[in-house]
Amino acid sequence: LRTALASGRNRDMAAGRTLTGPHRADLYAVYAAKGVEAKLCSTGE
């Protein structure tokens, strides 16, 4: 993470914010029995 932050300074400066780190992570879930992404499931599912 330290290396990624240091190497990304110019890109981050252009964006005006930090674009690398755990604040960019996402929780991904799949309905196991159906193999379907959670976001594509029905409301009840």
ModelCIF file with pLDDT and N, C-alpha, C, O atoms, coordinates in Angstrom:
data_MODEL
#
_entry.id   MODEL 
#
_entity.id                         1 
_entity.type                       polymer 
_entity.pdbx_number_of_molecules   1 
#
_entity_poly.entity_id                      1 
_entity_poly.type                           'polypeptide(L)' 
_entity_poly.nstd_linkage                   no 
_entity_poly.nstd_monomer                   no 
_entity_poly.pdbx_seq_one_letter_code       LRTALASGRNRDMAAGRTLTGPHRADLYAVYAAKGVEAKLCSTGE 
_entity_poly.pdbx_seq_one_letter_code_can   LRTALASGRNRDMAAGRTLTGPHRADLYAVYAAKGVEAKLCSTGE 
_entity_poly.pdbx_strand_id                 A 
#
loop_
_entity_poly_seq.entity_id 
_entity_poly_seq.num 
_entity_poly_seq.mon_id 
_entity_poly_seq.hetero 
1 1  LEU n 
1 2  ARG n 
1 3  THR n 
1 4  ALA n 
1 5  LEU n 
1 6  ALA n 
1 7  SER n 
1 8  GLY n 
1 9  ARG n 
1 10 ASN n 
1 11 ARG n 
1 12 ASP n 
1 13 MET n 
1 14 ALA n 
1 15 ALA n 
1 16 GLY n 
1 17 ARG n 
1 18 THR n 
1 19 LEU n 
1 20 THR n 
1 21 GLY n 
1 22 PRO n 
1 23 HIS n 
1 24 ARG n 
1 25 ALA n 
1 26 ASP n 
1 27 LEU n 
1 28 TYR n 
1 29 ALA n 
1 30 VAL n 
1 31 TYR n 
1 32 ALA n 
1 33 ALA n 
1 34 LYS n 
1 35 GLY n 
1 36 VAL n 
1 37 GLU n 
1 38 ALA n 
1 39 LYS n 
1 40 LEU n 
1 41 CYS n 
1 42 SER n 
1 43 THR n 
1 44 GLY n 
1 45 GLU n 
#
_struct_asym.id          A 
_struct_asym.entity_id   1 
#
loop_
_ma_qa_metric.id 
_ma_qa_metric.mode 
_ma_qa_metric.name 
_ma_qa_metric.software_group_id 
_ma_qa_metric.type 
1 global pLDDT . pLDDT 
2 local  pLDDT . pLDDT 
#
_ma_qa_metric_global.metric_id      1 
_ma_qa_metric_global.metric_value   95.56 
_ma_qa_metric_global.model_id       1 
_ma_qa_metric_global.ordinal_id     1 
#
loop_
_ma_qa_metric_local.label_asym_id 
_ma_qa_metric_local.label_comp_id 
_ma_qa_metric_local.label_seq_id 
_ma_qa_metric_local.metric_id 
_ma_qa_metric_local.metric_value 
_ma_qa_metric_local.model_id 
_ma_qa_metric_local.ordinal_id 
A LEU 1  2 96.00 1 1  
A ARG 2  2 96.00 1 2  
A THR 3  2 96.00 1 3  
A ALA 4  2 95.00 1 4  
A LEU 5  2 96.00 1 5  
A ALA 6  2 96.00 1 6  
A SER 7  2 95.00 1 7  
A GLY 8  2 95.00 1 8  
A ARG 9  2 96.00 1 9  
A ASN 10 2 95.00 1 10 
A ARG 11 2 96.00 1 11 
A ASP 12 2 97.00 1 12 
A MET 13 2 97.00 1 13 
A ALA 14 2 96.00 1 14 
A ALA 15 2 96.00 1 15 
A GLY 16 2 96.00 1 16 
A ARG 17 2 96.00 1 17 
A THR 18 2 97.00 1 18 
A LEU 19 2 95.00 1 19 
A THR 20 2 94.00 1 20 
A GLY 21 2 95.00 1 21 
A PRO 22 2 95.00 1 22 
A HIS 23 2 95.00 1 23 
A ARG 24 2 94.00 1 24 
A ALA 25 2 94.00 1 25 
A ASP 26 2 95.00 1 26 
A LEU 27 2 96.00 1 27 
A TYR 28 2 96.00 1 28 
A ALA 29 2 97.00 1 29 
A VAL 30 2 97.00 1 30 
A TYR 31 2 96.00 1 31 
A ALA 32 2 94.00 1 32 
A ALA 33 2 94.00 1 33 
A LYS 34 2 96.00 1 34 
A GLY 35 2 97.00 1 35 
A VAL 36 2 97.00 1 36 
A GLU 37 2 97.00 1 37 
A ALA 38 2 97.00 1 38 
A LYS 39 2 96.00 1 39 
A LEU 40 2 97.00 1 40 
A CYS 41 2 96.00 1 41 
A SER 42 2 95.00 1 42 
A THR 43 2 93.00 1 43 
A GLY 44 2 91.00 1 44 
A GLU 45 2 94.00 1 45 
#
loop_
_atom_site.group_PDB 
_atom_site.id 
_atom_site.type_symbol 
_atom_site.label_atom_id 
_atom_site.label_alt_id 
_atom_site.label_comp_id 
_atom_site.label_asym_id 
_atom_site.label_entity_id 
_atom_site.label_seq_id 
_atom_site.pdbx_PDB_ins_code 
_atom_site.Cartn_x 
_atom_site.Cartn_y 
_atom_site.Cartn_z 
_atom_site.occupancy 
_atom_site.B_iso_or_equiv 
_atom_site.pdbx_formal_charge 
_atom_site.auth_seq_id 
_atom_site.auth_comp_id 
_atom_site.auth_asym_id 
_atom_site.auth_atom_id 
_atom_site.pdbx_PDB_model_num 
ATOM 1   N N  . LEU A 1 1  ? 0.827   -1.202  0.000   1.00 96.00 ? 1  LEU A N  1 
ATOM 2   C CA . LEU A 1 1  ? 0.000   0.000   0.000   1.00 96.00 ? 1  LEU A CA 1 
ATOM 3   C C  . LEU A 1 1  ? 0.867   1.261   0.000   1.00 96.00 ? 1  LEU A C  1 
ATOM 4   O O  . LEU A 1 1  ? 0.548   2.227   -0.693  1.00 96.00 ? 1  LEU A O  1 
ATOM 5   N N  . ARG A 1 2  ? 1.960   1.263   0.769   1.00 96.00 ? 2  ARG A N  1 
ATOM 6   C CA . ARG A 1 2  ? 2.837   2.442   0.811   1.00 96.00 ? 2  ARG A CA 1 
ATOM 7   C C  . ARG A 1 2  ? 3.427   2.711   -0.577  1.00 96.00 ? 2  ARG A C  1 
ATOM 8   O O  . ARG A 1 2  ? 3.487   3.856   -1.024  1.00 96.00 ? 2  ARG A O  1 
ATOM 9   N N  . THR A 1 3  ? 3.854   1.655   -1.244  1.00 96.00 ? 3  THR A N  1 
ATOM 10  C CA . THR A 1 3  ? 4.424   1.809   -2.590  1.00 96.00 ? 3  THR A CA 1 
ATOM 11  C C  . THR A 1 3  ? 3.378   2.319   -3.576  1.00 96.00 ? 3  THR A C  1 
ATOM 12  O O  . THR A 1 3  ? 3.663   3.179   -4.409  1.00 96.00 ? 3  THR A O  1 
ATOM 13  N N  . ALA A 1 4  ? 2.163   1.779   -3.474  1.00 95.00 ? 4  ALA A N  1 
ATOM 14  C CA . ALA A 1 4  ? 1.089   2.200   -4.384  1.00 95.00 ? 4  ALA A CA 1 
ATOM 15  C C  . ALA A 1 4  ? 0.724   3.663   -4.168  1.00 95.00 ? 4  ALA A C  1 
ATOM 16  O O  . ALA A 1 4  ? 0.480   4.386   -5.135  1.00 95.00 ? 4  ALA A O  1 
ATOM 17  N N  . LEU A 1 5  ? 0.682   4.109   -2.918  1.00 96.00 ? 5  LEU A N  1 
ATOM 18  C CA . LEU A 1 5  ? 0.365   5.506   -2.623  1.00 96.00 ? 5  LEU A CA 1 
ATOM 19  C C  . LEU A 1 5  ? 1.450   6.436   -3.177  1.00 96.00 ? 5  LEU A C  1 
ATOM 20  O O  . LEU A 1 5  ? 1.149   7.468   -3.777  1.00 96.00 ? 5  LEU A O  1 
ATOM 21  N N  . ALA A 1 6  ? 2.706   6.058   -2.967  1.00 96.00 ? 6  ALA A N  1 
ATOM 22  C CA . ALA A 1 6  ? 3.810   6.902   -3.428  1.00 96.00 ? 6  ALA A CA 1 
ATOM 23  C C  . ALA A 1 6  ? 3.834   7.003   -4.950  1.00 96.00 ? 6  ALA A C  1 
ATOM 24  O O  . ALA A 1 6  ? 4.025   8.088   -5.499  1.00 96.00 ? 6  ALA A O  1 
ATOM 25  N N  . SER A 1 7  ? 3.641   5.881   -5.628  1.00 95.00 ? 7  SER A N  1 
ATOM 26  C CA . SER A 1 7  ? 3.701   5.890   -7.094  1.00 95.00 ? 7  SER A CA 1 
ATOM 27  C C  . SER A 1 7  ? 2.476   6.552   -7.720  1.00 95.00 ? 7  SER A C  1 
ATOM 28  O O  . SER A 1 7  ? 2.509   6.941   -8.887  1.00 95.00 ? 7  SER A O  1 
ATOM 29  N N  . GLY A 1 8  ? 1.408   6.680   -6.958  1.00 95.00 ? 8  GLY A N  1 
ATOM 30  C CA . GLY A 1 8  ? 0.173   7.248   -7.504  1.00 95.00 ? 8  GLY A CA 1 
ATOM 31  C C  . GLY A 1 8  ? -0.042  8.716   -7.196  1.00 95.00 ? 8  GLY A C  1 
ATOM 32  O O  . GLY A 1 8  ? -1.130  9.240   -7.435  1.00 95.00 ? 8  GLY A O  1 
ATOM 33  N N  . ARG A 1 9  ? 0.966   9.387   -6.671  1.00 96.00 ? 9  ARG A N  1 
ATOM 34  C CA . ARG A 1 9  ? 0.773   10.784  -6.253  1.00 96.00 ? 9  ARG A CA 1 
ATOM 35  C C  . ARG A 1 9  ? 0.358   11.697  -7.399  1.00 96.00 ? 9  ARG A C  1 
ATOM 36  O O  . ARG A 1 9  ? -0.554  12.509  -7.240  1.00 96.00 ? 9  ARG A O  1 
ATOM 37  N N  . ASN A 1 10 ? 1.016   11.577  -8.555  1.00 95.00 ? 10 ASN A N  1 
ATOM 38  C CA . ASN A 1 10 ? 0.676   12.463  -9.672  1.00 95.00 ? 10 ASN A CA 1 
ATOM 39  C C  . ASN A 1 10 ? -0.760  12.248  -10.140 1.00 95.00 ? 10 ASN A C  1 
ATOM 40  O O  . ASN A 1 10 ? -1.490  13.205  -10.402 1.00 95.00 ? 10 ASN A O  1 
ATOM 41  N N  . ARG A 1 11 ? -1.153  10.990  -10.242 1.00 96.00 ? 11 ARG A N  1 
ATOM 42  C CA . ARG A 1 11 ? -2.536  10.691  -10.631 1.00 96.00 ? 11 ARG A CA 1 
ATOM 43  C C  . ARG A 1 11 ? -3.513  11.224  -9.593  1.00 96.00 ? 11 ARG A C  1 
ATOM 44  O O  . ARG A 1 11 ? -4.533  11.821  -9.938  1.00 96.00 ? 11 ARG A O  1 
ATOM 45  N N  . ASP A 1 12 ? -3.195  11.007  -8.315  1.00 97.00 ? 12 ASP A N  1 
ATOM 46  C CA . ASP A 1 12 ? -4.072  11.471  -7.241  1.00 97.00 ? 12 ASP A CA 1 
ATOM 47  C C  . ASP A 1 12 ? -4.146  12.994  -7.200  1.00 97.00 ? 12 ASP A C  1 
ATOM 48  O O  . ASP A 1 12 ? -5.195  13.562  -6.896  1.00 97.00 ? 12 ASP A O  1 
ATOM 49  N N  . MET A 1 13 ? -3.020  13.656  -7.509  1.00 97.00 ? 13 MET A N  1 
ATOM 50  C CA . MET A 1 13 ? -3.010  15.117  -7.499  1.00 97.00 ? 13 MET A CA 1 
ATOM 51  C C  . MET A 1 13 ? -3.927  15.656  -8.598  1.00 97.00 ? 13 MET A C  1 
ATOM 52  O O  . MET A 1 13 ? -4.616  16.657  -8.401  1.00 97.00 ? 13 MET A O  1 
ATOM 53  N N  . ALA A 1 14 ? -3.931  14.991  -9.750  1.00 96.00 ? 14 ALA A N  1 
ATOM 54  C CA . ALA A 1 14 ? -4.819  15.406  -10.845 1.00 96.00 ? 14 ALA A CA 1 
ATOM 55  C C  . ALA A 1 14 ? -6.281  15.221  -10.459 1.00 96.00 ? 14 ALA A C  1 
ATOM 56  O O  . ALA A 1 14 ? -7.141  16.013  -10.844 1.00 96.00 ? 14 ALA A O  1 
ATOM 57  N N  . ALA A 1 15 ? -6.554  14.162  -9.692  1.00 96.00 ? 15 ALA A N  1 
ATOM 58  C CA . ALA A 1 15 ? -7.936  13.896  -9.264  1.00 96.00 ? 15 ALA A CA 1 
ATOM 59  C C  . ALA A 1 15 ? -8.324  14.697  -8.042  1.00 96.00 ? 15 ALA A C  1 
ATOM 60  O O  . ALA A 1 15 ? -9.509  14.911  -7.788  1.00 96.00 ? 15 ALA A O  1 
ATOM 61  N N  . GLY A 1 16 ? -7.324  15.148  -7.270  1.00 96.00 ? 16 GLY A N  1 
ATOM 62  C CA . GLY A 1 16 ? -7.604  15.893  -6.050  1.00 96.00 ? 16 GLY A CA 1 
ATOM 63  C C  . GLY A 1 16 ? -8.011  15.014  -4.885  1.00 96.00 ? 16 GLY A C  1 
ATOM 64  O O  . GLY A 1 16 ? -8.547  15.505  -3.892  1.00 96.00 ? 16 GLY A O  1 
ATOM 65  N N  . ARG A 1 17 ? -7.759  13.715  -4.997  1.00 96.00 ? 17 ARG A N  1 
ATOM 66  C CA . ARG A 1 17 ? -8.110  12.795  -3.912  1.00 96.00 ? 17 ARG A CA 1 
ATOM 67  C C  . ARG A 1 17 ? -7.326  11.497  -4.079  1.00 96.00 ? 17 ARG A C  1 
ATOM 68  O O  . ARG A 1 17 ? -6.751  11.230  -5.134  1.00 96.00 ? 17 ARG A O  1 
ATOM 69  N N  . THR A 1 18 ? -7.318  10.699  -3.014  1.00 97.00 ? 18 THR A N  1 
ATOM 70  C CA . THR A 1 18 ? -6.584  9.433   -3.008  1.00 97.00 ? 18 THR A CA 1 
ATOM 71  C C  . THR A 1 18 ? -7.401  8.353   -3.707  1.00 97.00 ? 18 THR A C  1 
ATOM 72  O O  . THR A 1 18 ? -8.541  8.084   -3.330  1.00 97.00 ? 18 THR A O  1 
ATOM 73  N N  . LEU A 1 19 ? -6.817  7.744   -4.715  1.00 95.00 ? 19 LEU A N  1 
ATOM 74  C CA . LEU A 1 19 ? -7.530  6.748   -5.521  1.00 95.00 ? 19 LEU A CA 1 
ATOM 75  C C  . LEU A 1 19 ? -7.085  5.317   -5.232  1.00 95.00 ? 19 LEU A C  1 
ATOM 76  O O  . LEU A 1 19 ? -7.511  4.382   -5.910  1.00 95.00 ? 19 LEU A O  1 
ATOM 77  N N  . THR A 1 20 ? -6.234  5.148   -4.232  1.00 94.00 ? 20 THR A N  1 
ATOM 78  C CA . THR A 1 20 ? -5.701  3.826   -3.903  1.00 94.00 ? 20 THR A CA 1 
ATOM 79  C C  . THR A 1 20 ? -5.861  3.556   -2.410  1.00 94.00 ? 20 THR A C  1 
ATOM 80  O O  . THR A 1 20 ? -5.561  4.418   -1.584  1.00 94.00 ? 20 THR A O  1 
ATOM 81  N N  . GLY A 1 21 ? -6.335  2.357   -2.066  1.00 95.00 ? 21 GLY A N  1 
ATOM 82  C CA . GLY A 1 21 ? -6.420  1.995   -0.655  1.00 95.00 ? 21 GLY A CA 1 
ATOM 83  C C  . GLY A 1 21 ? -7.688  1.235   -0.314  1.00 95.00 ? 21 GLY A C  1 
ATOM 84  O O  . GLY A 1 21 ? -8.545  1.037   -1.175  1.00 95.00 ? 21 GLY A O  1 
ATOM 85  N N  . PRO A 1 22 ? -7.814  0.808   0.934   1.00 95.00 ? 22 PRO A N  1 
ATOM 86  C CA . PRO A 1 22 ? -8.981  0.015   1.348   1.00 95.00 ? 22 PRO A CA 1 
ATOM 87  C C  . PRO A 1 22 ? -10.294 0.782   1.278   1.00 95.00 ? 22 PRO A C  1 
ATOM 88  O O  . PRO A 1 22 ? -11.362 0.171   1.324   1.00 95.00 ? 22 PRO A O  1 
ATOM 89  N N  . HIS A 1 23 ? -10.240 2.103   1.169   1.00 95.00 ? 23 HIS A N  1 
ATOM 90  C CA . HIS A 1 23 ? -11.465 2.891   1.010   1.00 95.00 ? 23 HIS A CA 1 
ATOM 91  C C  . HIS A 1 23 ? -12.057 2.739   -0.394  1.00 95.00 ? 23 HIS A C  1 
ATOM 92  O O  . HIS A 1 23 ? -13.119 3.285   -0.691  1.00 95.00 ? 23 HIS A O  1 
ATOM 93  N N  . ARG A 1 24 ? -11.363 1.998   -1.247  1.00 94.00 ? 24 ARG A N  1 
ATOM 94  C CA . ARG A 1 24 ? -11.848 1.724   -2.607  1.00 94.00 ? 24 ARG A CA 1 
ATOM 95  C C  . ARG A 1 24 ? -12.344 0.285   -2.752  1.00 94.00 ? 24 ARG A C  1 
ATOM 96  O O  . ARG A 1 24 ? -12.718 -0.137  -3.847  1.00 94.00 ? 24 ARG A O  1 
ATOM 97  N N  . ALA A 1 25 ? -12.348 -0.462  -1.658  1.00 94.00 ? 25 ALA A N  1 
ATOM 98  C CA . ALA A 1 25 ? -12.769 -1.871  -1.706  1.00 94.00 ? 25 ALA A CA 1 
ATOM 99  C C  . ALA A 1 25 ? -14.286 -1.981  -1.772  1.00 94.00 ? 25 ALA A C  1 
ATOM 100 O O  . ALA A 1 25 ? -15.008 -1.044  -1.431  1.00 94.00 ? 25 ALA A O  1 
ATOM 101 N N  . ASP A 1 26 ? -14.748 -3.132  -2.212  1.00 95.00 ? 26 ASP A N  1 
ATOM 102 C CA . ASP A 1 26 ? -16.185 -3.396  -2.307  1.00 95.00 ? 26 ASP A CA 1 
ATOM 103 C C  . ASP A 1 26 ? -16.440 -4.836  -1.874  1.00 95.00 ? 26 ASP A C  1 
ATOM 104 O O  . ASP A 1 26 ? -15.615 -5.722  -2.098  1.00 95.00 ? 26 ASP A O  1 
ATOM 105 N N  . LEU A 1 27 ? -17.598 -5.053  -1.250  1.00 96.00 ? 27 LEU A N  1 
ATOM 106 C CA . LEU A 1 27 ? -18.027 -6.392  -0.863  1.00 96.00 ? 27 LEU A CA 1 
ATOM 107 C C  . LEU A 1 27 ? -18.836 -6.983  -2.010  1.00 96.00 ? 27 LEU A C  1 
ATOM 108 O O  . LEU A 1 27 ? -19.878 -6.448  -2.390  1.00 96.00 ? 27 LEU A O  1 
ATOM 109 N N  . TYR A 1 28 ? -18.355 -8.069  -2.545  1.00 96.00 ? 28 TYR A N  1 
ATOM 110 C CA . TYR A 1 28 ? -18.992 -8.720  -3.697  1.00 96.00 ? 28 TYR A CA 1 
ATOM 111 C C  . TYR A 1 28 ? -19.646 -10.012 -3.216  1.00 96.00 ? 28 TYR A C  1 
ATOM 112 O O  . TYR A 1 28 ? -19.034 -10.805 -2.500  1.00 96.00 ? 28 TYR A O  1 
ATOM 113 N N  . ALA A 1 29 ? -20.902 -10.208 -3.623  1.00 97.00 ? 29 ALA A N  1 
ATOM 114 C CA . ALA A 1 29 ? -21.640 -11.385 -3.164  1.00 97.00 ? 29 ALA A CA 1 
ATOM 115 C C  . ALA A 1 29 ? -22.347 -12.066 -4.333  1.00 97.00 ? 29 ALA A C  1 
ATOM 116 O O  . ALA A 1 29 ? -22.863 -11.414 -5.241  1.00 97.00 ? 29 ALA A O  1 
ATOM 117 N N  . VAL A 1 30 ? -22.353 -13.379 -4.282  1.00 97.00 ? 30 VAL A N  1 
ATOM 118 C CA . VAL A 1 30 ? -23.032 -14.201 -5.288  1.00 97.00 ? 30 VAL A CA 1 
ATOM 119 C C  . VAL A 1 30 ? -23.962 -15.173 -4.568  1.00 97.00 ? 30 VAL A C  1 
ATOM 120 O O  . VAL A 1 30 ? -23.567 -15.807 -3.590  1.00 97.00 ? 30 VAL A O  1 
ATOM 121 N N  . TYR A 1 31 ? -25.197 -15.288 -5.054  1.00 96.00 ? 31 TYR A N  1 
ATOM 122 C CA . TYR A 1 31 ? -26.148 -16.291 -4.550  1.00 96.00 ? 31 TYR A CA 1 
ATOM 123 C C  . TYR A 1 31 ? -25.557 -17.649 -4.930  1.00 96.00 ? 31 TYR A C  1 
ATOM 124 O O  . TYR A 1 31 ? -25.609 -18.048 -6.093  1.00 96.00 ? 31 TYR A O  1 
ATOM 125 N N  . ALA A 1 32 ? -24.996 -18.356 -3.947  1.00 94.00 ? 32 ALA A N  1 
ATOM 126 C CA . ALA A 1 32 ? -24.174 -19.539 -4.217  1.00 94.00 ? 32 ALA A CA 1 
ATOM 127 C C  . ALA A 1 32 ? -24.920 -20.621 -4.998  1.00 94.00 ? 32 ALA A C  1 
ATOM 128 O O  . ALA A 1 32 ? -24.379 -21.168 -5.959  1.00 94.00 ? 32 ALA A O  1 
ATOM 129 N N  . ALA A 1 33 ? -26.144 -20.934 -4.601  1.00 94.00 ? 33 ALA A N  1 
ATOM 130 C CA . ALA A 1 33 ? -26.873 -22.040 -5.217  1.00 94.00 ? 33 ALA A CA 1 
ATOM 131 C C  . ALA A 1 33 ? -27.227 -21.772 -6.671  1.00 94.00 ? 33 ALA A C  1 
ATOM 132 O O  . ALA A 1 33 ? -27.392 -22.705 -7.457  1.00 94.00 ? 33 ALA A O  1 
ATOM 133 N N  . LYS A 1 34 ? -27.345 -20.487 -7.033  1.00 96.00 ? 34 LYS A N  1 
ATOM 134 C CA . LYS A 1 34 ? -27.740 -20.125 -8.394  1.00 96.00 ? 34 LYS A CA 1 
ATOM 135 C C  . LYS A 1 34 ? -26.601 -19.557 -9.226  1.00 96.00 ? 34 LYS A C  1 
ATOM 136 O O  . LYS A 1 34 ? -26.711 -19.452 -10.448 1.00 96.00 ? 34 LYS A O  1 
ATOM 137 N N  . GLY A 1 35 ? -25.499 -19.187 -8.560  1.00 97.00 ? 35 GLY A N  1 
ATOM 138 C CA . GLY A 1 35 ? -24.401 -18.579 -9.290  1.00 97.00 ? 35 GLY A CA 1 
ATOM 139 C C  . GLY A 1 35 ? -24.738 -17.218 -9.856  1.00 97.00 ? 35 GLY A C  1 
ATOM 140 O O  . GLY A 1 35 ? -24.205 -16.827 -10.895 1.00 97.00 ? 35 GLY A O  1 
ATOM 141 N N  . VAL A 1 36 ? -25.620 -16.488 -9.184  1.00 97.00 ? 36 VAL A N  1 
ATOM 142 C CA . VAL A 1 36 ? -26.087 -15.182 -9.663  1.00 97.00 ? 36 VAL A CA 1 
ATOM 143 C C  . VAL A 1 36 ? -25.601 -14.093 -8.717  1.00 97.00 ? 36 VAL A C  1 
ATOM 144 O O  . VAL A 1 36 ? -25.699 -14.229 -7.498  1.00 97.00 ? 36 VAL A O  1 
ATOM 145 N N  . GLU A 1 37 ? -25.073 -13.003 -9.290  1.00 97.00 ? 37 GLU A N  1 
ATOM 146 C CA . GLU A 1 37 ? -24.662 -11.879 -8.457  1.00 97.00 ? 37 GLU A CA 1 
ATOM 147 C C  . GLU A 1 37 ? -25.831 -11.368 -7.631  1.00 97.00 ? 37 GLU A C  1 
ATOM 148 O O  . GLU A 1 37 ? -26.970 -11.338 -8.097  1.00 97.00 ? 37 GLU A O  1 
ATOM 149 N N  . ALA A 1 38 ? -25.537 -10.967 -6.400  1.00 97.00 ? 38 ALA A N  1 
ATOM 150 C CA . ALA A 1 38 ? -26.598 -10.502 -5.502  1.00 97.00 ? 38 ALA A CA 1 
ATOM 151 C C  . ALA A 1 38 ? -27.389 -9.344  -6.101  1.00 97.00 ? 38 ALA A C  1 
ATOM 152 O O  . ALA A 1 38 ? -28.605 -9.260  -5.927  1.00 97.00 ? 38 ALA A O  1 
ATOM 153 N N  . LYS A 1 39 ? -26.697 -8.452  -6.807  1.00 96.00 ? 39 LYS A N  1 
ATOM 154 C CA . LYS A 1 39 ? -27.385 -7.280  -7.354  1.00 96.00 ? 39 LYS A CA 1 
ATOM 155 C C  . LYS A 1 39 ? -28.370 -7.650  -8.456  1.00 96.00 ? 39 LYS A C  1 
ATOM 156 O O  . LYS A 1 39 ? -29.238 -6.848  -8.803  1.00 96.00 ? 39 LYS A O  1 
ATOM 157 N N  . LEU A 1 40 ? -28.247 -8.861  -9.013  1.00 97.00 ? 40 LEU A N  1 
ATOM 158 C CA . LEU A 1 40 ? -29.146 -9.307  -10.078 1.00 97.00 ? 40 LEU A CA 1 
ATOM 159 C C  . LEU A 1 40 ? -30.274 -10.195 -9.557  1.00 97.00 ? 40 LEU A C  1 
ATOM 160 O O  . LEU A 1 40 ? -31.128 -10.628 -10.331 1.00 97.00 ? 40 LEU A O  1 
ATOM 161 N N  . CYS A 1 41 ? -30.284 -10.467 -8.260  1.00 96.00 ? 41 CYS A N  1 
ATOM 162 C CA . CYS A 1 41 ? -31.323 -11.312 -7.670  1.00 96.00 ? 41 CYS A CA 1 
ATOM 163 C C  . CYS A 1 41 ? -32.609 -10.530 -7.471  1.00 96.00 ? 41 CYS A C  1 
ATOM 164 O O  . CYS A 1 41 ? -32.618 -9.301  -7.543  1.00 96.00 ? 41 CYS A O  1 
ATOM 165 N N  . SER A 1 42 ? -33.699 -11.252 -7.220  1.00 95.00 ? 42 SER A N  1 
ATOM 166 C CA . SER A 1 42 ? -34.969 -10.604 -6.930  1.00 95.00 ? 42 SER A CA 1 
ATOM 167 C C  . SER A 1 42 ? -34.900 -9.902  -5.579  1.00 95.00 ? 42 SER A C  1 
ATOM 168 O O  . SER A 1 42 ? -33.988 -10.140 -4.787  1.00 95.00 ? 42 SER A O  1 
ATOM 169 N N  . THR A 1 43 ? -35.873 -9.037  -5.330  1.00 93.00 ? 43 THR A N  1 
ATOM 170 C CA . THR A 1 43 ? -35.907 -8.315  -4.054  1.00 93.00 ? 43 THR A CA 1 
ATOM 171 C C  . THR A 1 43 ? -35.964 -9.283  -2.880  1.00 93.00 ? 43 THR A C  1 
ATOM 172 O O  . THR A 1 43 ? -35.274 -9.094  -1.879  1.00 93.00 ? 43 THR A O  1 
ATOM 173 N N  . GLY A 1 44 ? -36.790 -10.323 -3.006  1.00 91.00 ? 44 GLY A N  1 
ATOM 174 C CA . GLY A 1 44 ? -36.899 -11.310 -1.934  1.00 91.00 ? 44 GLY A CA 1 
ATOM 175 C C  . GLY A 1 44 ? -35.612 -12.076 -1.728  1.00 91.00 ? 44 GLY A C  1 
ATOM 176 O O  . GLY A 1 44 ? -35.232 -12.359 -0.593  1.00 91.00 ? 44 GLY A O  1 
ATOM 177 N N  . GLU A 1 45 ? -34.931 -12.416 -2.823  1.00 94.00 ? 45 GLU A N  1 
ATOM 178 C CA . GLU A 1 45 ? -33.665 -13.135 -2.712  1.00 94.00 ? 45 GLU A CA 1 
ATOM 179 C C  . GLU A 1 45 ? -32.586 -12.247 -2.097  1.00 94.00 ? 45 GLU A C  1 
ATOM 180 O O  . GLU A 1 45 ? -31.449 -12.686 -1.925  1.00 94.00 ? 45 GLU A O  1 
#
